[in-house]
Amino acid sequence: MRVGDIEFEIECQEEQLQATVDRILTTLTEKLKQAPLITERTAAPPRAETCKGIIQKLWEEGWFATPKTLSEVHNEMAKRGFHYDRTAVAHALIDLVKDGILTRDGKPRRYQYAQKRPPP
């Protein structure tokens, strides 16, 4: 018999099987209530966030108060644990420019992005 990661081998007469299984499950349930189960994984669960959403959070924090390059945005996202392709970051920045949240100044391949309006 297997319960989670614990495996039991039961040897008994056929008429004793149900009572034996019930006793094992009752004992196991009581022990789990007394001692919390230790999990192997202690890391935080994965976050599912869009590239655009992360950049919007940077804007909400006021990070775009001073103009930033694509490289600076990409590096800041990586520092925070979000590793998106540079082209995905560039596309998200363009979307935010179109949405009127950010503004873009400069020449191609040297654009700088800044807040068009302050965050709420």
N, C-alpha and C. Protein backbone atom coordinates (compact mmCIF):
# COMPACT_ATOMS: atom_id res chain seq x y z
N MET A 1 0.85 -1.17 0.00
CA MET A 1 0.00 0.00 0.00
C MET A 1 0.90 1.23 0.00
N ARG A 2 0.54 2.25 -0.79
CA ARG A 2 1.34 3.46 -0.89
C ARG A 2 0.46 4.67 -0.59
N VAL A 3 0.97 5.55 0.31
CA VAL A 3 0.30 6.81 0.64
C VAL A 3 1.34 7.91 0.47
N GLY A 4 1.22 8.69 -0.60
CA GLY A 4 2.22 9.73 -0.87
C GLY A 4 3.56 9.10 -1.14
N ASP A 5 4.57 9.49 -0.35
CA ASP A 5 5.92 8.94 -0.50
C ASP A 5 6.17 7.77 0.44
N ILE A 6 5.16 7.40 1.20
CA ILE A 6 5.32 6.33 2.19
C ILE A 6 4.69 5.05 1.64
N GLU A 7 5.43 3.96 1.78
CA GLU A 7 4.93 2.68 1.29
C GLU A 7 4.86 1.69 2.45
N PHE A 8 3.75 0.98 2.54
CA PHE A 8 3.54 -0.01 3.59
C PHE A 8 3.40 -1.38 2.95
N GLU A 9 3.93 -2.39 3.65
CA GLU A 9 3.71 -3.76 3.23
C GLU A 9 2.91 -4.42 4.33
N ILE A 10 1.76 -4.95 3.98
CA ILE A 10 0.86 -5.50 4.97
C ILE A 10 0.78 -7.01 4.80
N GLU A 11 1.01 -7.71 5.90
CA GLU A 11 0.86 -9.16 5.90
C GLU A 11 -0.16 -9.49 6.98
N CYS A 12 -1.27 -10.06 6.57
CA CYS A 12 -2.31 -10.44 7.52
C CYS A 12 -3.28 -11.41 6.86
N GLN A 13 -4.20 -11.89 7.66
CA GLN A 13 -5.26 -12.75 7.13
C GLN A 13 -6.23 -11.87 6.34
N GLU A 14 -6.92 -12.45 5.39
CA GLU A 14 -7.83 -11.68 4.54
C GLU A 14 -8.90 -10.97 5.35
N GLU A 15 -9.43 -11.59 6.36
CA GLU A 15 -10.49 -10.96 7.16
C GLU A 15 -9.95 -9.83 8.04
N GLN A 16 -8.64 -9.73 8.23
CA GLN A 16 -8.02 -8.68 9.04
C GLN A 16 -7.58 -7.47 8.19
N LEU A 17 -7.64 -7.60 6.89
CA LEU A 17 -7.08 -6.59 6.00
C LEU A 17 -7.74 -5.22 6.16
N GLN A 18 -9.07 -5.18 6.17
CA GLN A 18 -9.77 -3.89 6.27
C GLN A 18 -9.44 -3.18 7.57
N ALA A 19 -9.46 -3.90 8.67
CA ALA A 19 -9.16 -3.30 9.97
C ALA A 19 -7.72 -2.81 10.02
N THR A 20 -6.80 -3.55 9.44
CA THR A 20 -5.39 -3.17 9.44
C THR A 20 -5.17 -1.91 8.61
N VAL A 21 -5.77 -1.85 7.43
CA VAL A 21 -5.65 -0.66 6.57
C VAL A 21 -6.24 0.55 7.28
N ASP A 22 -7.40 0.38 7.91
CA ASP A 22 -8.02 1.49 8.65
C ASP A 22 -7.11 2.01 9.76
N ARG A 23 -6.47 1.09 10.50
CA ARG A 23 -5.57 1.50 11.59
C ARG A 23 -4.36 2.26 11.04
N ILE A 24 -3.82 1.81 9.93
CA ILE A 24 -2.66 2.48 9.33
C ILE A 24 -3.04 3.89 8.88
N LEU A 25 -4.16 4.01 8.20
CA LEU A 25 -4.59 5.33 7.72
C LEU A 25 -4.92 6.28 8.87
N THR A 26 -5.54 5.77 9.92
CA THR A 26 -5.85 6.59 11.08
C THR A 26 -4.56 7.08 11.74
N THR A 27 -3.62 6.19 11.93
CA THR A 27 -2.33 6.56 12.54
C THR A 27 -1.59 7.57 11.68
N LEU A 28 -1.57 7.33 10.39
CA LEU A 28 -0.88 8.24 9.47
C LEU A 28 -1.52 9.62 9.49
N THR A 29 -2.83 9.70 9.48
CA THR A 29 -3.55 10.98 9.51
C THR A 29 -3.24 11.74 10.80
N GLU A 30 -3.23 11.04 11.94
CA GLU A 30 -2.91 11.70 13.23
C GLU A 30 -1.48 12.22 13.24
N LYS A 31 -0.55 11.45 12.72
CA LYS A 31 0.86 11.88 12.70
C LYS A 31 1.05 13.11 11.81
N LEU A 32 0.36 13.13 10.67
CA LEU A 32 0.48 14.28 9.77
C LEU A 32 -0.11 15.55 10.39
N LYS A 33 -1.13 15.40 11.20
CA LYS A 33 -1.72 16.56 11.88
C LYS A 33 -0.76 17.12 12.93
N GLN A 34 -0.01 16.24 13.58
CA GLN A 34 0.92 16.65 14.63
C GLN A 34 2.19 17.30 14.07
N ALA A 35 2.75 16.73 13.03
CA ALA A 35 4.00 17.23 12.45
C ALA A 35 3.72 17.68 11.02
N PRO A 36 3.95 18.97 10.73
CA PRO A 36 3.72 19.44 9.36
C PRO A 36 4.65 18.73 8.39
N LEU A 37 4.14 18.47 7.23
CA LEU A 37 4.89 17.77 6.20
C LEU A 37 6.02 18.66 5.69
N ILE A 38 7.22 18.14 5.63
CA ILE A 38 8.38 18.88 5.13
C ILE A 38 8.44 18.66 3.63
N THR A 39 8.49 19.74 2.90
CA THR A 39 8.57 19.62 1.45
C THR A 39 10.00 19.82 1.00
N GLU A 40 10.34 19.15 -0.08
CA GLU A 40 11.69 19.27 -0.64
C GLU A 40 11.90 20.62 -1.30
N ARG A 41 10.85 21.14 -1.87
CA ARG A 41 10.97 22.38 -2.62
C ARG A 41 10.66 23.57 -1.73
N THR A 42 11.64 24.42 -1.52
CA THR A 42 11.44 25.59 -0.67
C THR A 42 11.42 26.88 -1.48
N ALA A 43 11.70 26.78 -2.77
CA ALA A 43 11.71 27.98 -3.60
C ALA A 43 10.28 28.46 -3.85
N ALA A 44 10.18 29.73 -4.17
CA ALA A 44 8.86 30.29 -4.46
C ALA A 44 8.31 29.68 -5.74
N PRO A 45 6.99 29.58 -5.84
CA PRO A 45 6.43 29.04 -7.07
C PRO A 45 6.73 29.95 -8.25
N PRO A 46 6.81 29.40 -9.45
CA PRO A 46 7.12 30.23 -10.60
C PRO A 46 6.07 31.31 -10.83
N ARG A 47 6.54 32.44 -11.29
CA ARG A 47 5.64 33.55 -11.57
C ARG A 47 5.34 33.59 -13.06
N ALA A 48 4.09 33.75 -13.37
CA ALA A 48 3.70 33.85 -14.77
C ALA A 48 3.30 35.30 -15.05
N GLU A 49 4.24 36.05 -15.54
CA GLU A 49 3.97 37.46 -15.83
C GLU A 49 4.44 37.77 -17.24
N THR A 50 3.72 38.68 -17.90
CA THR A 50 4.10 39.04 -19.25
C THR A 50 5.23 40.06 -19.23
N CYS A 51 5.94 40.13 -20.31
CA CYS A 51 7.03 41.09 -20.45
C CYS A 51 6.47 42.51 -20.31
N LYS A 52 5.37 42.78 -20.98
CA LYS A 52 4.74 44.10 -20.92
C LYS A 52 4.30 44.43 -19.49
N GLY A 53 3.76 43.44 -18.79
CA GLY A 53 3.32 43.65 -17.41
C GLY A 53 4.47 44.01 -16.48
N ILE A 54 5.61 43.38 -16.69
CA ILE A 54 6.78 43.67 -15.85
C ILE A 54 7.26 45.09 -16.11
N ILE A 55 7.30 45.49 -17.37
CA ILE A 55 7.74 46.85 -17.70
C ILE A 55 6.75 47.87 -17.14
N GLN A 56 5.47 47.54 -17.16
CA GLN A 56 4.47 48.44 -16.55
C GLN A 56 4.71 48.58 -15.05
N LYS A 57 5.11 47.50 -14.39
CA LYS A 57 5.42 47.58 -12.96
C LYS A 57 6.61 48.50 -12.73
N LEU A 58 7.61 48.42 -13.61
CA LEU A 58 8.76 49.33 -13.50
C LEU A 58 8.29 50.78 -13.62
N TRP A 59 7.38 51.03 -14.55
CA TRP A 59 6.82 52.38 -14.73
C TRP A 59 6.07 52.81 -13.47
N GLU A 60 5.26 51.89 -12.91
CA GLU A 60 4.50 52.21 -11.70
C GLU A 60 5.41 52.54 -10.52
N GLU A 61 6.59 51.95 -10.49
CA GLU A 61 7.56 52.22 -9.43
C GLU A 61 8.32 53.53 -9.67
N GLY A 62 8.09 54.15 -10.83
CA GLY A 62 8.79 55.39 -11.15
C GLY A 62 10.17 55.17 -11.73
N TRP A 63 10.45 53.96 -12.16
CA TRP A 63 11.76 53.63 -12.68
C TRP A 63 12.06 54.36 -13.98
N PHE A 64 11.03 54.73 -14.73
CA PHE A 64 11.21 55.43 -16.00
C PHE A 64 11.18 56.95 -15.82
N ALA A 65 11.37 57.45 -14.60
CA ALA A 65 11.40 58.90 -14.38
C ALA A 65 12.56 59.52 -15.15
N THR A 66 13.63 58.78 -15.31
CA THR A 66 14.74 59.22 -16.16
C THR A 66 14.80 58.29 -17.37
N PRO A 67 15.17 58.78 -18.54
CA PRO A 67 15.19 57.95 -19.75
C PRO A 67 16.11 56.74 -19.61
N LYS A 68 15.63 55.61 -20.16
CA LYS A 68 16.38 54.35 -20.10
C LYS A 68 16.50 53.77 -21.50
N THR A 69 17.63 53.11 -21.76
CA THR A 69 17.82 52.43 -23.04
C THR A 69 17.22 51.02 -22.98
N LEU A 70 17.11 50.40 -24.13
CA LEU A 70 16.65 49.02 -24.18
C LEU A 70 17.53 48.12 -23.32
N SER A 71 18.84 48.32 -23.39
CA SER A 71 19.77 47.51 -22.59
C SER A 71 19.52 47.68 -21.10
N GLU A 72 19.29 48.92 -20.67
CA GLU A 72 19.04 49.16 -19.25
C GLU A 72 17.76 48.48 -18.79
N VAL A 73 16.72 48.53 -19.62
CA VAL A 73 15.45 47.88 -19.27
C VAL A 73 15.66 46.37 -19.20
N HIS A 74 16.32 45.83 -20.22
CA HIS A 74 16.58 44.38 -20.28
C HIS A 74 17.38 43.93 -19.06
N ASN A 75 18.42 44.66 -18.69
CA ASN A 75 19.26 44.31 -17.54
C ASN A 75 18.49 44.41 -16.23
N GLU A 76 17.65 45.42 -16.08
CA GLU A 76 16.86 45.58 -14.85
C GLU A 76 15.88 44.41 -14.70
N MET A 77 15.27 44.01 -15.79
CA MET A 77 14.36 42.88 -15.74
C MET A 77 15.11 41.60 -15.35
N ALA A 78 16.30 41.42 -15.91
CA ALA A 78 17.11 40.24 -15.58
C ALA A 78 17.51 40.25 -14.11
N LYS A 79 17.85 41.44 -13.58
CA LYS A 79 18.20 41.56 -12.16
C LYS A 79 17.05 41.11 -11.27
N ARG A 80 15.83 41.35 -11.72
CA ARG A 80 14.64 41.00 -10.95
C ARG A 80 14.17 39.57 -11.21
N GLY A 81 14.93 38.83 -12.03
CA GLY A 81 14.63 37.43 -12.26
C GLY A 81 13.77 37.13 -13.48
N PHE A 82 13.59 38.11 -14.36
CA PHE A 82 12.79 37.91 -15.57
C PHE A 82 13.71 37.96 -16.77
N HIS A 83 13.90 36.83 -17.42
CA HIS A 83 14.86 36.72 -18.51
C HIS A 83 14.14 36.57 -19.84
N TYR A 84 13.77 37.69 -20.40
CA TYR A 84 13.10 37.72 -21.69
C TYR A 84 14.10 38.06 -22.78
N ASP A 85 13.81 37.61 -23.99
CA ASP A 85 14.61 37.94 -25.15
C ASP A 85 14.56 39.46 -25.38
N ARG A 86 15.66 40.03 -25.83
CA ARG A 86 15.71 41.48 -26.05
C ARG A 86 14.65 41.95 -27.03
N THR A 87 14.34 41.14 -28.04
CA THR A 87 13.32 41.56 -29.00
C THR A 87 11.94 41.60 -28.35
N ALA A 88 11.68 40.70 -27.40
CA ALA A 88 10.40 40.73 -26.69
C ALA A 88 10.29 42.00 -25.85
N VAL A 89 11.40 42.38 -25.22
CA VAL A 89 11.42 43.61 -24.42
C VAL A 89 11.21 44.82 -25.33
N ALA A 90 11.86 44.82 -26.49
CA ALA A 90 11.71 45.93 -27.44
C ALA A 90 10.27 46.06 -27.90
N HIS A 91 9.63 44.94 -28.21
CA HIS A 91 8.23 44.96 -28.65
C HIS A 91 7.31 45.45 -27.53
N ALA A 92 7.57 45.03 -26.31
CA ALA A 92 6.75 45.47 -25.18
C ALA A 92 6.92 46.98 -24.95
N LEU A 93 8.14 47.47 -25.11
CA LEU A 93 8.37 48.91 -24.96
C LEU A 93 7.60 49.69 -26.03
N ILE A 94 7.61 49.20 -27.26
CA ILE A 94 6.87 49.86 -28.34
C ILE A 94 5.38 49.86 -28.05
N ASP A 95 4.87 48.74 -27.54
CA ASP A 95 3.45 48.67 -27.18
C ASP A 95 3.09 49.71 -26.12
N LEU A 96 3.98 49.90 -25.14
CA LEU A 96 3.73 50.88 -24.08
C LEU A 96 3.84 52.31 -24.60
N VAL A 97 4.66 52.52 -25.62
CA VAL A 97 4.72 53.83 -26.28
C VAL A 97 3.39 54.09 -26.98
N LYS A 98 2.88 53.07 -27.69
CA LYS A 98 1.60 53.20 -28.39
C LYS A 98 0.44 53.41 -27.42
N ASP A 99 0.55 52.81 -26.21
CA ASP A 99 -0.49 52.96 -25.19
C ASP A 99 -0.44 54.31 -24.50
N GLY A 100 0.62 55.09 -24.77
CA GLY A 100 0.73 56.42 -24.17
C GLY A 100 1.30 56.42 -22.77
N ILE A 101 1.91 55.33 -22.36
CA ILE A 101 2.50 55.25 -21.03
C ILE A 101 3.95 55.73 -21.06
N LEU A 102 4.67 55.30 -22.09
CA LEU A 102 6.08 55.69 -22.25
C LEU A 102 6.22 56.55 -23.50
N THR A 103 7.33 57.25 -23.56
CA THR A 103 7.68 58.01 -24.75
C THR A 103 9.05 57.53 -25.21
N ARG A 104 9.33 57.66 -26.51
CA ARG A 104 10.59 57.18 -27.06
C ARG A 104 11.27 58.33 -27.77
N ASP A 105 12.52 58.59 -27.43
CA ASP A 105 13.31 59.65 -28.05
C ASP A 105 14.63 59.07 -28.55
N GLY A 106 15.19 59.72 -29.56
CA GLY A 106 16.48 59.30 -30.07
C GLY A 106 16.39 58.74 -31.47
N LYS A 107 17.46 58.07 -31.87
CA LYS A 107 17.56 57.49 -33.20
C LYS A 107 17.46 55.98 -33.11
N PRO A 108 17.12 55.32 -34.23
CA PRO A 108 17.04 53.85 -34.21
C PRO A 108 18.30 53.22 -33.62
N ARG A 109 18.10 52.18 -32.84
CA ARG A 109 19.15 51.45 -32.11
C ARG A 109 19.75 52.26 -30.96
N ARG A 110 19.27 53.46 -30.74
CA ARG A 110 19.74 54.27 -29.62
C ARG A 110 18.58 54.96 -28.91
N TYR A 111 17.39 54.39 -29.05
CA TYR A 111 16.22 55.00 -28.43
C TYR A 111 16.34 54.97 -26.91
N GLN A 112 15.73 55.98 -26.31
CA GLN A 112 15.62 56.02 -24.86
C GLN A 112 14.14 56.12 -24.51
N TYR A 113 13.72 55.38 -23.51
CA TYR A 113 12.32 55.30 -23.12
C TYR A 113 12.15 55.97 -21.75
N ALA A 114 11.14 56.82 -21.66
CA ALA A 114 10.87 57.52 -20.39
C ALA A 114 9.35 57.56 -20.20
N GLN A 115 8.94 57.86 -18.98
CA GLN A 115 7.50 57.92 -18.73
C GLN A 115 6.90 59.12 -19.45
N LYS A 116 5.79 58.89 -20.11
CA LYS A 116 5.09 59.97 -20.79
C LYS A 116 4.20 60.70 -19.78
N ARG A 117 3.68 59.92 -18.87
CA ARG A 117 2.88 60.48 -17.79
C ARG A 117 3.27 59.76 -16.51
N PRO A 118 3.18 60.43 -15.39
CA PRO A 118 3.59 59.77 -14.14
C PRO A 118 2.60 58.67 -13.76
N PRO A 119 3.09 57.67 -13.05
CA PRO A 119 2.20 56.59 -12.61
C PRO A 119 1.16 57.11 -11.61
N PRO A 120 0.04 56.45 -11.50
CA PRO A 120 -1.01 56.90 -10.58
C PRO A 120 -0.60 56.81 -9.12
